[in-house]
PDB file of N, CA and C in Angstrom:
ATOM      1  N   MET A   1     -52.813  74.187-109.815  1.00  0.00           N
ATOM      2  CA  MET A   1     -51.874  73.851-110.855  1.00  0.00           C
ATOM      3  C   MET A   1     -51.447  75.130-111.569  1.00  0.00           C
ATOM      4  N   TYR A   2     -50.179  75.300-111.765  1.00  0.00           N
ATOM      5  CA  TYR A   2     -49.630  76.485-112.403  1.00  0.00           C
ATOM      6  C   TYR A   2     -49.733  76.375-113.919  1.00  0.00           C
ATOM      7  N   HIS A   3     -50.223  77.431-114.542  1.00  0.00           N
ATOM      8  CA  HIS A   3     -50.295  77.496-115.999  1.00  0.00           C
ATOM      9  C   HIS A   3     -49.472  78.690-116.449  1.00  0.00           C
ATOM     10  N   PRO A   4     -48.398  78.488-117.204  1.00  0.00           N
ATOM     11  CA  PRO A   4     -47.501  79.582-117.570  1.00  0.00           C
ATOM     12  C   PRO A   4     -48.163  80.664-118.426  1.00  0.00           C
ATOM     13  N   HIS A   5     -49.224  80.341-119.132  1.00  0.00           N
ATOM     14  CA  HIS A   5     -49.854  81.334-119.990  1.00  0.00           C
ATOM     15  C   HIS A   5     -50.899  82.184-119.267  1.00  0.00           C
ATOM     16  N   LEU A   6     -51.175  81.870-117.993  1.00  0.00           N
ATOM     17  CA  LEU A   6     -52.121  82.654-117.216  1.00  0.00           C
ATOM     18  C   LEU A   6     -51.380  83.614-116.303  1.00  0.00           C
ATOM     19  N   ARG A   7     -51.990  84.771-116.078  1.00  0.00           N
ATOM     20  CA  ARG A   7     -51.415  85.744-115.154  1.00  0.00           C
ATOM     21  C   ARG A   7     -51.982  85.484-113.763  1.00  0.00           C
ATOM     22  N   TYR A   8     -51.137  85.579-112.771  1.00  0.00           N
ATOM     23  CA  TYR A   8     -51.570  85.382-111.392  1.00  0.00           C
ATOM     24  C   TYR A   8     -51.435  86.705-110.654  1.00  0.00           C
ATOM     25  N   ALA A   9     -52.544  87.177-110.150  1.00  0.00           N
ATOM     26  CA  ALA A   9     -52.545  88.447-109.431  1.00  0.00           C
ATOM     27  C   ALA A   9     -52.081  88.229-107.998  1.00  0.00           C
ATOM     28  N   LYS A  10     -51.288  89.160-107.523  1.00  0.00           N
ATOM     29  CA  LYS A  10     -50.875  89.108-106.120  1.00  0.00           C
ATOM     30  C   LYS A  10     -52.034  89.483-105.208  1.00  0.00           C
ATOM     31  N   ASP A  11     -52.909  90.342-105.710  1.00  0.00           N
ATOM     32  CA  ASP A  11     -54.036  90.825-104.935  1.00  0.00           C
ATOM     33  C   ASP A  11     -55.256  89.961-105.242  1.00  0.00           C
ATOM     34  N   VAL A  12     -55.359  88.834-104.586  1.00  0.00           N
ATOM     35  CA  VAL A  12     -56.480  87.926-104.801  1.00  0.00           C
ATOM     36  C   VAL A  12     -57.695  88.474-104.059  1.00  0.00           C
ATOM     37  N   ARG A  13     -58.812  88.543-104.729  1.00  0.00           N
ATOM     38  CA  ARG A  13     -60.039  89.051-104.128  1.00  0.00           C
ATOM     39  C   ARG A  13     -60.751  87.912-103.408  1.00  0.00           C
ATOM     40  N   ILE A  14     -61.199  88.176-102.188  1.00  0.00           N
ATOM     41  CA  ILE A  14     -61.819  87.144-101.370  1.00  0.00           C
ATOM     42  C   ILE A  14     -63.297  87.494-101.167  1.00  0.00           C
ATOM     43  N   THR A  15     -64.168  86.588-101.552  1.00  0.00           N
ATOM     44  CA  THR A  15     -65.607  86.738-101.358  1.00  0.00           C
ATOM     45  C   THR A  15     -66.063  85.660-100.382  1.00  0.00           C
ATOM     46  N   HIS A  16     -66.972  86.017 -99.491  1.00  0.00           N
ATOM     47  CA  HIS A  16     -67.477  85.057 -98.512  1.00  0.00           C
ATOM     48  C   HIS A  16     -68.970  84.864 -98.675  1.00  0.00           C
ATOM     49  N   VAL A  17     -69.393  83.617 -98.586  1.00  0.00           N
ATOM     50  CA  VAL A  17     -70.803  83.243 -98.630  1.00  0.00           C
ATOM     51  C   VAL A  17     -71.109  82.508 -97.332  1.00  0.00           C
ATOM     52  N   PHE A  18     -72.101  82.972 -96.607  1.00  0.00           N
ATOM     53  CA  PHE A  18     -72.435  82.316 -95.354  1.00  0.00           C
ATOM     54  C   PHE A  18     -73.831  82.695 -94.904  1.00  0.00           C
ATOM     55  N   ILE A  19     -74.220  82.206 -93.724  1.00  0.00           N
ATOM     56  CA  ILE A  19     -75.555  82.440 -93.179  1.00  0.00           C
ATOM     57  C   ILE A  19     -75.442  83.274 -91.905  1.00  0.00           C
ATOM     58  N   ILE A  20     -76.311  84.283 -91.805  1.00  0.00           N
ATOM     59  CA  ILE A  20     -76.429  85.086 -90.592  1.00  0.00           C
ATOM     60  C   ILE A  20     -77.838  84.858 -90.058  1.00  0.00           C
ATOM     61  N   CYS A  21     -77.937  84.523 -88.767  1.00  0.00           N
ATOM     62  CA  CYS A  21     -79.242  84.289 -88.140  1.00  0.00           C
ATOM     63  C   CYS A  21     -79.424  85.235 -86.963  1.00  0.00           C
ATOM     64  N   PHE A  22     -80.676  85.639 -86.752  1.00  0.00           N
ATOM     65  CA  PHE A  22     -81.036  86.481 -85.617  1.00  0.00           C
ATOM     66  C   PHE A  22     -82.132  85.761 -84.845  1.00  0.00           C
ATOM     67  N   ARG A  23     -81.969  85.651 -83.522  1.00  0.00           N
ATOM     68  CA  ARG A  23     -82.897  84.901 -82.676  1.00  0.00           C
ATOM     69  C   ARG A  23     -83.186  85.671 -81.379  1.00  0.00           C
ATOM     70  N   GLY A  24     -84.124  85.167 -80.626  1.00  0.00           N
ATOM     71  CA  GLY A  24     -84.432  85.719 -79.309  1.00  0.00           C
ATOM     72  C   GLY A  24     -85.026  87.109 -79.331  1.00  0.00           C
ATOM     73  N   GLY A  25     -85.609  87.492 -80.446  1.00  0.00           N
ATOM     74  CA  GLY A  25     -86.180  88.826 -80.590  1.00  0.00           C
ATOM     75  C   GLY A  25     -85.305  89.758 -81.412  1.00  0.00           C
ATOM     76  N   ALA A  26     -84.030  89.427 -81.597  1.00  0.00           N
ATOM     77  CA  ALA A  26     -83.146  90.275 -82.410  1.00  0.00           C
ATOM     78  C   ALA A  26     -83.660  90.390 -83.839  1.00  0.00           C
ATOM     79  N   GLU A  27     -84.374  89.361 -84.313  1.00  0.00           N
ATOM     80  CA  GLU A  27     -84.883  89.388 -85.683  1.00  0.00           C
ATOM     81  C   GLU A  27     -85.875  90.526 -85.913  1.00  0.00           C
ATOM     82  N   LEU A  28     -86.499  91.042 -84.844  1.00  0.00           N
ATOM     83  CA  LEU A  28     -87.444  92.151 -84.980  1.00  0.00           C
ATOM     84  C   LEU A  28     -86.767  93.416 -85.500  1.00  0.00           C
ATOM     85  N   LEU A  29     -85.470  93.541 -85.260  1.00  0.00           N
ATOM     86  CA  LEU A  29     -84.705  94.687 -85.753  1.00  0.00           C
ATOM     87  C   LEU A  29     -84.360  94.540 -87.231  1.00  0.00           C
ATOM     88  N   PHE A  30     -84.642  93.355 -87.791  1.00  0.00           N
ATOM     89  CA  PHE A  30     -84.289  93.034 -89.175  1.00  0.00           C
ATOM     90  C   PHE A  30     -85.543  92.632 -89.956  1.00  0.00           C
ATOM     91  N   ASP A  31     -86.623  93.387 -89.757  1.00  0.00           N
ATOM     92  CA  ASP A  31     -87.916  93.140 -90.409  1.00  0.00           C
ATOM     93  C   ASP A  31     -88.461  91.753 -90.131  1.00  0.00           C
ATOM     94  N   GLY A  32     -88.117  91.165 -88.993  1.00  0.00           N
ATOM     95  CA  GLY A  32     -88.625  89.859 -88.619  1.00  0.00           C
ATOM     96  C   GLY A  32     -87.991  88.693 -89.360  1.00  0.00           C
ATOM     97  N   VAL A  33     -86.974  88.983 -90.174  1.00  0.00           N
ATOM     98  CA  VAL A  33     -86.303  87.923 -90.942  1.00  0.00           C
ATOM     99  C   VAL A  33     -85.247  87.282 -90.050  1.00  0.00           C
ATOM    100  N   LYS A  34     -85.384  85.978 -89.806  1.00  0.00           N
ATOM    101  CA  LYS A  34     -84.480  85.285 -88.894  1.00  0.00           C
ATOM    102  C   LYS A  34     -83.201  84.793 -89.557  1.00  0.00           C
ATOM    103  N   GLN A  35     -83.253  84.508 -90.844  1.00  0.00           N
ATOM    104  CA  GLN A  35     -82.077  83.933 -91.503  1.00  0.00           C
ATOM    105  C   GLN A  35     -81.805  84.650 -92.812  1.00  0.00           C
ATOM    106  N   HIS A  36     -80.535  85.000 -93.013  1.00  0.00           N
ATOM    107  CA  HIS A  36     -80.099  85.693 -94.218  1.00  0.00           C
ATOM    108  C   HIS A  36     -78.945  84.916 -94.843  1.00  0.00           C
ATOM    109  N   HIS A  37     -79.070  84.591 -96.112  1.00  0.00           N
ATOM    110  CA  HIS A  37     -77.959  84.010 -96.869  1.00  0.00           C
ATOM    111  C   HIS A  37     -77.210  85.185 -97.472  1.00  0.00           C
ATOM    112  N   VAL A  38     -75.951  85.340 -97.094  1.00  0.00           N
ATOM    113  CA  VAL A  38     -75.192  86.545 -97.415  1.00  0.00           C
ATOM    114  C   VAL A  38     -73.970  86.218 -98.267  1.00  0.00           C
ATOM    115  N   THR A  39     -73.755  87.042 -99.268  1.00  0.00           N
ATOM    116  CA  THR A  39     -72.500  87.037-100.024  1.00  0.00           C
ATOM    117  C   THR A  39     -71.893  88.418 -99.842  1.00  0.00           C
ATOM    118  N   LEU A  40     -70.766  88.478 -99.159  1.00  0.00           N
ATOM    119  CA  LEU A  40     -70.107  89.761 -98.926  1.00  0.00           C
ATOM    120  C   LEU A  40     -69.321  90.180-100.163  1.00  0.00           C
ATOM    121  N   PRO A  41     -69.209  91.484-100.385  1.00  0.00           N
ATOM    122  CA  PRO A  41     -68.405  91.959-101.508  1.00  0.00           C
ATOM    123  C   PRO A  41     -66.957  91.494-101.370  1.00  0.00           C
ATOM    124  N   SER A  42     -66.320  91.258-102.497  1.00  0.00           N
ATOM    125  CA  SER A  42     -64.933  90.790-102.443  1.00  0.00           C
ATOM    126  C   SER A  42     -64.012  91.925-102.019  1.00  0.00           C
ATOM    127  N   GLN A  43     -62.943  91.547-101.358  1.00  0.00           N
ATOM    128  CA  GLN A  43     -61.892  92.480-100.956  1.00  0.00           C
ATOM    129  C   GLN A  43     -60.601  91.700-100.839  1.00  0.00           C
ATOM    130  N   SER A  44     -59.494  92.402-100.750  1.00  0.00           N
ATOM    131  CA  SER A  44     -58.191  91.728-100.770  1.00  0.00           C
ATOM    132  C   SER A  44     -57.875  91.016 -99.457  1.00  0.00           C
ATOM    133  N   ASN A  45     -58.453  91.450 -98.355  1.00  0.00           N
ATOM    134  CA  ASN A  45     -58.235  90.804 -97.054  1.00  0.00           C
ATOM    135  C   ASN A  45     -59.489  90.050 -96.635  1.00  0.00           C
ATOM    136  N   HIS A  46     -59.309  89.100 -95.718  1.00  0.00           N
ATOM    137  CA  HIS A  46     -60.464  88.386 -95.169  1.00  0.00           C
ATOM    138  C   HIS A  46     -61.352  89.362 -94.412  1.00  0.00           C
ATOM    139  N   TRP A  47     -62.640  89.136 -94.506  1.00  0.00           N
ATOM    140  CA  TRP A  47     -63.578  89.881 -93.678  1.00  0.00           C
ATOM    141  C   TRP A  47     -63.444  89.387 -92.246  1.00  0.00           C
ATOM    142  N   ASP A  48     -63.603  90.303 -91.284  1.00  0.00           N
ATOM    143  CA  ASP A  48     -63.660  89.900 -89.886  1.00  0.00           C
ATOM    144  C   ASP A  48     -65.011  90.323 -89.314  1.00  0.00           C
ATOM    145  N   ILE A  49     -65.282  89.913 -88.093  1.00  0.00           N
ATOM    146  CA  ILE A  49     -66.577  90.222 -87.475  1.00  0.00           C
ATOM    147  C   ILE A  49     -66.758  91.731 -87.335  1.00  0.00           C
ATOM    148  N   ARG A  50     -65.710  92.447 -87.040  1.00  0.00           N
ATOM    149  CA  ARG A  50     -65.782  93.912 -86.920  1.00  0.00           C
ATOM    150  C   ARG A  50     -66.345  94.524 -88.205  1.00  0.00           C
ATOM    151  N   GLN A  51     -65.813  94.095 -89.349  1.00  0.00           N
ATOM    152  CA  GLN A  51     -66.295  94.600 -90.637  1.00  0.00           C
ATOM    153  C   GLN A  51     -67.706  94.102 -90.930  1.00  0.00           C
ATOM    154  N   LEU A  52     -67.980  92.859 -90.526  1.00  0.00           N
ATOM    155  CA  LEU A  52     -69.314  92.308 -90.735  1.00  0.00           C
ATOM    156  C   LEU A  52     -70.371  93.123 -90.003  1.00  0.00           C
ATOM    157  N   LEU A  53     -70.088  93.547 -88.782  1.00  0.00           N
ATOM    158  CA  LEU A  53     -71.064  94.331 -88.023  1.00  0.00           C
ATOM    159  C   LEU A  53     -71.396  95.641 -88.723  1.00  0.00           C
ATOM    160  N   VAL A  54     -70.400  96.290 -89.303  1.00  0.00           N
ATOM    161  CA  VAL A  54     -70.640  97.517 -90.069  1.00  0.00           C
ATOM    162  C   VAL A  54     -71.519  97.194 -91.270  1.00  0.00           C
ATOM    163  N   TRP A  55     -71.206  96.083 -91.975  1.00  0.00           N
ATOM    164  CA  TRP A  55     -71.981  95.689 -93.146  1.00  0.00           C
ATOM    165  C   TRP A  55     -73.424  95.375 -92.752  1.00  0.00           C
ATOM    166  N   ILE A  56     -73.612  94.671 -91.633  1.00  0.00           N
ATOM    167  CA  ILE A  56     -74.962  94.359 -91.154  1.00  0.00           C
ATOM    168  C   ILE A  56     -75.730  95.639 -90.862  1.00  0.00           C
ATOM    169  N   LYS A  57     -75.084  96.568 -90.168  1.00  0.00           N
ATOM    170  CA  LYS A  57     -75.735  97.833 -89.829  1.00  0.00           C
ATOM    171  C   LYS A  57     -76.149  98.589 -91.093  1.00  0.00           C
ATOM    172  N   ASP A  58     -75.297  98.596 -92.099  1.00  0.00           N
ATOM    173  CA  ASP A  58     -75.572  99.344 -93.332  1.00  0.00           C
ATOM    174  C   ASP A  58     -76.528  98.631 -94.277  1.00  0.00           C
ATOM    175  N   ASN A  59     -76.617  97.306 -94.209  1.00  0.00           N
ATOM    176  CA  ASN A  59     -77.360  96.557 -95.224  1.00  0.00           C
ATOM    177  C   ASN A  59     -78.549  95.738 -94.725  1.00  0.00           C
ATOM    178  N   LEU A  60     -78.547  95.333 -93.476  1.00  0.00           N
ATOM    179  CA  LEU A  60     -79.631  94.469 -92.993  1.00  0.00           C
ATOM    180  C   LEU A  60     -80.477  95.100 -91.894  1.00  0.00           C
ATOM    181  N   LEU A  61     -79.858  95.867 -91.031  1.00  0.00           N
ATOM    182  CA  LEU A  61     -80.544  96.433 -89.868  1.00  0.00           C
ATOM    183  C   LEU A  61     -81.599  97.441 -90.312  1.00  0.00           C
ATOM    184  N   LYS A  62     -82.834  97.222 -89.888  1.00  0.00           N
ATOM    185  CA  LYS A  62     -83.943  98.067 -90.336  1.00  0.00           C
ATOM    186  C   LYS A  62     -84.471  98.997 -89.262  1.00  0.00           C
ATOM    187  N   ASP A  63     -84.251  98.661 -87.994  1.00  0.00           N
ATOM    188  CA  ASP A  63     -84.898  99.409 -86.925  1.00  0.00           C
ATOM    189  C   ASP A  63     -84.010  99.481 -85.696  1.00  0.00           C
ATOM    190  N   ARG A  64     -83.955 100.623 -85.057  1.00  0.00           N
ATOM    191  CA  ARG A  64     -83.326 100.851 -83.754  1.00  0.00           C
ATOM    192  C   ARG A  64     -81.923 100.250 -83.606  1.00  0.00           C
ATOM    193  N   PRO A  65     -80.953 100.780 -84.336  1.00  0.00           N
ATOM    194  CA  PRO A  65     -79.588 100.250 -84.280  1.00  0.00           C
ATOM    195  C   PRO A  65     -78.996 100.233 -82.870  1.00  0.00           C
ATOM    196  N   GLU A  66     -79.445 101.120 -82.001  1.00  0.00           N
ATOM    197  CA  GLU A  66     -78.922 101.165 -80.636  1.00  0.00           C
ATOM    198  C   GLU A  66     -79.259  99.902 -79.847  1.00  0.00           C
ATOM    199  N   LEU A  67     -80.230  99.130 -80.298  1.00  0.00           N
ATOM    200  CA  LEU A  67     -80.568  97.875 -79.631  1.00  0.00           C
ATOM    201  C   LEU A  67     -79.718  96.701 -80.110  1.00  0.00           C
ATOM    202  N   PHE A  68     -78.903  96.949 -81.141  1.00  0.00           N
ATOM    203  CA  PHE A  68     -78.053  95.878 -81.667  1.00  0.00           C
ATOM    204  C   PHE A  68     -76.562  96.232 -81.595  1.00  0.00           C
ATOM    205  N   ILE A  69     -76.230  97.462 -81.930  1.00  0.00           N
ATOM    206  CA  ILE A  69     -74.827  97.913 -81.984  1.00  0.00           C
ATOM    207  C   ILE A  69     -74.575  98.919 -80.868  1.00  0.00           C
ATOM    208  N   GLN A  70     -73.432  98.776 -80.214  1.00  0.00           N
ATOM    209  CA  GLN A  70     -72.999  99.776 -79.240  1.00  0.00           C
ATOM    210  C   GLN A  70     -71.532 100.057 -79.506  1.00  0.00           C
ATOM    211  N   GLY A  71     -71.235 101.254 -79.973  1.00  0.00           N
ATOM    212  CA  GLY A  71     -69.867 101.576 -80.382  1.00  0.00           C
ATOM    213  C   GLY A  71     -69.515 100.768 -81.621  1.00  0.00           C
ATOM    214  N   HIS A  72     -68.459  99.966 -81.531  1.00  0.00           N
ATOM    215  CA  HIS A  72     -68.008  99.161 -82.666  1.00  0.00           C
ATOM    216  C   HIS A  72     -68.279  97.676 -82.475  1.00  0.00           C
ATOM    217  N   THR A  73     -69.147  97.338 -81.516  1.00  0.00           N
ATOM    218  CA  THR A  73     -69.420  95.930 -81.237  1.00  0.00           C
ATOM    219  C   THR A  73     -70.916  95.736 -81.011  1.00  0.00           C
ATOM    220  N   VAL A  74     -71.313  94.522 -80.696  1.00  0.00           N
ATOM    221  CA  VAL A  74     -72.723  94.287 -80.388  1.00  0.00           C
ATOM    222  C   VAL A  74     -73.014  94.785 -78.982  1.00  0.00           C
ATOM    223  N   ARG A  75     -74.242  95.135 -78.778  1.00  0.00           N
ATOM    224  CA  ARG A  75     -74.682  95.618 -77.477  1.00  0.00           C
ATOM    225  C   ARG A  75     -74.599  94.486 -76.447  1.00  0.00           C
ATOM    226  N   PRO A  76     -74.270  94.800 -75.194  1.00  0.00           N
ATOM    227  CA  PRO A  76     -74.315  93.769 -74.156  1.00  0.00           C
ATOM    228  C   PRO A  76     -75.709  93.132 -74.125  1.00  0.00           C
ATOM    229  N   GLY A  77     -75.752  91.831 -73.962  1.00  0.00           N
ATOM    230  CA  GLY A  77     -77.020  91.116 -73.978  1.00  0.00           C
ATOM    231  C   GLY A  77     -77.297  90.446 -75.318  1.00  0.00           C
ATOM    232  N   ILE A  78     -76.415  90.651 -76.286  1.00  0.00           N
ATOM    233  CA  ILE A  78     -76.510  89.951 -77.569  1.00  0.00           C
ATOM    234  C   ILE A  78     -75.424  88.880 -77.564  1.00  0.00           C
ATOM    235  N   LEU A  79     -75.838  87.625 -77.561  1.00  0.00           N
ATOM    236  CA  LEU A  79     -74.888  86.517 -77.671  1.00  0.00           C
ATOM    237  C   LEU A  79     -74.537  86.322 -79.137  1.00  0.00           C
ATOM    238  N   VAL A  80     -73.267  86.063 -79.402  1.00  0.00           N
ATOM    239  CA  VAL A  80     -72.825  85.820 -80.774  1.00  0.00           C
ATOM    240  C   VAL A  80     -72.201  84.428 -80.827  1.00  0.00           C
ATOM    241  N   LEU A  81     -72.712  83.611 -81.734  1.00  0.00           N
ATOM    242  CA  LEU A  81     -72.175  82.272 -81.951  1.00  0.00           C
ATOM    243  C   LEU A  81     -71.606  82.189 -83.355  1.00  0.00           C
ATOM    244  N   ILE A  82     -70.430  81.619 -83.458  1.00  0.00           N
ATOM    245  CA  ILE A  82     -69.790  81.372 -84.743  1.00  0.00           C
ATOM    246  C   ILE A  82     -69.679  79.865 -84.890  1.00  0.00           C
ATOM    247  N   ASN A  83     -70.426  79.315 -85.825  1.00  0.00           N
ATOM    248  CA  ASN A  83     -70.461  77.861 -86.017  1.00  0.00           C
ATOM    249  C   ASN A  83     -70.750  77.144 -84.699  1.00  0.00           C
ATOM    250  N   ASP A  84     -71.742  77.639 -83.975  1.00  0.00           N
ATOM    251  CA  ASP A  84     -72.223  77.073 -82.708  1.00  0.00           C
ATOM    252  C   ASP A  84     -71.253  77.225 -81.535  1.00  0.00           C
ATOM    253  N   ALA A  85     -70.205  78.029 -81.687  1.00  0.00           N
ATOM    254  CA  ALA A  85     -69.264  78.287 -80.587  1.00  0.00           C
ATOM    255  C   ALA A  85     -69.350  79.755 -80.183  1.00  0.00           C
ATOM    256  N   ASP A  86     -69.217  80.018 -78.885  1.00  0.00           N
ATOM    257  CA  ASP A  86     -69.226  81.388 -78.378  1.00  0.00           C
ATOM    258  C   ASP A  86     -68.111  82.182 -79.056  1.00  0.00           C
ATOM    259  N   TRP A  87     -68.448  83.359 -79.552  1.00  0.00           N
ATOM    260  CA  TRP A  87     -67.459  84.157 -80.277  1.00  0.00           C
ATOM    261  C   TRP A  87     -66.279  84.555 -79.408  1.00  0.00           C
ATOM    262  N   GLU A  88     -66.436  84.557 -78.088  1.00  0.00           N
ATOM    263  CA  GLU A  88     -65.325  84.863 -77.190  1.00  0.00           C
ATOM    264  C   GLU A  88     -64.209  83.834 -77.333  1.00  0.00           C
ATOM    265  N   LEU A  89     -64.575  82.602 -77.684  1.00  0.00           N
ATOM    266  CA  LEU A  89     -63.577  81.550 -77.897  1.00  0.00           C
ATOM    267  C   LEU A  89     -62.938  81.640 -79.283  1.00  0.00           C
ATOM    268  N   MET A  90     -63.551  82.418 -80.165  1.00  0.00           N
ATOM    269  CA  MET A  90     -63.116  82.478 -81.564  1.00  0.00           C
ATOM    270  C   MET A  90     -62.339  83.753 -81.898  1.00  0.00           C
ATOM    271  N   GLY A  91     -62.216  84.665 -80.934  1.00  0.00           N
ATOM    272  CA  GLY A  91     -61.479  85.897 -81.185  1.00  0.00           C
ATOM    273  C   GLY A  91     -62.349  87.132 -81.295  1.00  0.00           C
ATOM    274  N   GLU A  92     -63.626  86.984 -81.008  1.00  0.00           N
ATOM    275  CA  GLU A  92     -64.587  88.085 -81.039  1.00  0.00           C
ATOM    276  C   GLU A  92     -64.492  88.888 -82.334  1.00  0.00           C
ATOM    277  N   LEU A  93     -64.269  90.193 -82.240  1.00  0.00           N
ATOM    278  CA  LEU A  93     -64.274  91.077 -83.411  1.00  0.00           C
ATOM    279  C   LEU A  93     -63.189  90.743 -84.426  1.00  0.00           C
ATOM    280  N   ASP A  94     -62.122  90.102 -83.989  1.00  0.00           N
ATOM    281  CA  ASP A  94     -60.997  89.808 -84.881  1.00  0.00           C
ATOM    282  C   ASP A  94     -61.143  88.496 -85.647  1.00  0.00           C
ATOM    283  N   TYR A  95     -62.196  87.720 -85.358  1.00  0.00           N
ATOM    284  CA  TYR A  95     -62.387  86.448 -86.057  1.00  0.00           C
ATOM    285  C   TYR A  95     -62.507  86.695 -87.562  1.00  0.00           C
ATOM    286  N   GLN A  96     -61.710  85.986 -88.342  1.00  0.00           N
ATOM    287  CA  GLN A  96     -61.759  86.108 -89.797  1.00  0.00           C
ATOM    288  C   GLN A  96     -62.780  85.125 -90.358  1.00  0.00           C
ATOM    289  N   LEU A  97     -63.748  85.673 -91.062  1.00  0.00           N
ATOM    290  CA  LEU A  97     -64.831  84.865 -91.618  1.00  0.00           C
ATOM    291  C   LEU A  97     -64.317  83.884 -92.661  1.00  0.00           C
ATOM    292  N   GLN A  98     -64.919  82.721 -92.658  1.00  0.00           N
ATOM    293  CA  GLN A  98     -64.611  81.669 -93.623  1.00  0.00           C
ATOM    294  C   GLN A  98     -65.890  81.345 -94.397  1.00  0.00           C
ATOM    295  N   ASP A  99     -65.735  80.864 -95.623  1.00  0.00           N
ATOM    296  CA  ASP A  99     -66.906  80.465 -96.393  1.00  0.00           C
ATOM    297  C   ASP A  99     -67.733  79.457 -95.609  1.00  0.00           C
ATOM    298  N   LYS A 100     -69.029  79.608 -95.719  1.00  0.00           N
ATOM    299  CA  LYS A 100     -70.010  78.712 -95.103  1.00  0.00           C
ATOM    300  C   LYS A 100     -70.057  78.804 -93.584  1.00  0.00           C
ATOM    301  N   ASP A 101     -69.483  79.870 -93.004  1.00  0.00           N
ATOM    302  CA  ASP A 101     -69.658  80.101 -91.573  1.00  0.00           C
ATOM    303  C   ASP A 101     -71.134  80.341 -91.282  1.00  0.00           C
ATOM    304  N   ASN A 102     -71.530  80.004 -90.076  1.00  0.00           N
ATOM    305  CA  ASN A 102     -72.882  80.253 -89.595  1.00  0.00           C
ATOM    306  C   ASN A 102     -72.752  81.193 -88.402  1.00  0.00           C
ATOM    307  N   ILE A 103     -73.195  82.431 -88.562  1.00  0.00           N
ATOM    308  CA  ILE A 103     -73.087  83.443 -87.518  1.00  0.00           C
ATOM    309  C   ILE A 103     -74.486  83.674 -86.951  1.00  0.00           C
ATOM    310  N   VAL A 104     -74.635  83.502 -85.629  1.00  0.00           N
ATOM    311  CA  VAL A 104     -75.941  83.647 -84.987  1.00  0.00           C
ATOM    312  C   VAL A 104     -75.849  84.727 -83.917  1.00  0.00           C
ATOM    313  N   PHE A 105     -76.824  85.638 -83.934  1.00  0.00           N
ATOM    314  CA  PHE A 105     -76.955  86.685 -82.928  1.00  0.00           C
ATOM    315  C   PHE A 105     -78.240  86.408 -82.150  1.00  0.00           C
ATOM    316  N   ILE A 106     -78.102  86.227 -80.832  1.00  0.00           N
ATOM    317  CA  ILE A 106     -79.254  85.895 -79.982  1.00  0.00           C
ATOM    318  C   ILE A 106     -79.408  86.982 -78.930  1.00  0.00           C
ATOM    319  N   SER A 107     -80.564  87.616 -78.930  1.00  0.00           N
ATOM    320  CA  SER A 107     -80.840  88.618 -77.913  1.00  0.00           C
ATOM    321  C   SER A 107     -81.267  87.957 -76.620  1.00  0.00           C
ATOM    322  N   THR A 108     -80.647  88.363 -75.533  1.00  0.00           N
ATOM    323  CA  THR A 108     -81.071  87.885 -74.212  1.00  0.00           C
ATOM    324  C   THR A 108     -81.806  88.996 -73.471  1.00  0.00           C
ATOM    325  N   LEU A 109     -82.051  90.098 -74.164  1.00  0.00           N
ATOM    326  CA  LEU A 109     -82.736  91.253 -73.561  1.00  0.00           C
ATOM    327  C   LEU A 109     -84.229  91.127 -73.795  1.00  0.00           C
ATOM    328  N   HIS A 110     -84.976  91.079 -72.717  1.00  0.00           N
ATOM    329  CA  HIS A 110     -86.423  90.950 -72.827  1.00  0.00           C
ATOM    330  C   HIS A 110     -87.073  91.972 -71.902  1.00  0.00           C
ATOM    331  N   GLY A 111     -88.112  92.611 -72.403  1.00  0.00           N
ATOM    332  CA  GLY A 111     -88.828  93.587 -71.604  1.00  0.00           C
ATOM    333  C   GLY A 111     -89.619  92.929 -70.491  1.00  0.00           C
ATOM    334  N   GLY A 112     -90.009  93.719 -69.547  1.00  0.00           N
ATOM    335  CA  GLY A 112     -90.764  93.118 -68.444  1.00  0.00           C
ATOM    336  C   GLY A 112     -91.747  94.071 -67.870  1.00  0.00           C
TER     337      GLY A 112
END
């Protein structure tokens, strides 16, 4: 509803609240914590997975980043699910995060 006495900014700040989960051994790189409730800092554009990976690396990743990140994406062998769907169907790195998204990273890499 429009209120004439209020100012409306063109640059609306967007904050996202959601859950990030690590499974299949990936949680070992994050101090063994499997689930994180995350509130991302606000910004004028929607966060995408590409930006989320940088944020994860800087804020959550505790050990051996080379086992999780390769270049600007996840390492091969890490499955990524967005709301229970393969991220390849959702646009991969370009997927724009929505409030209450559930992002799951599952490692399929196992030693032998």
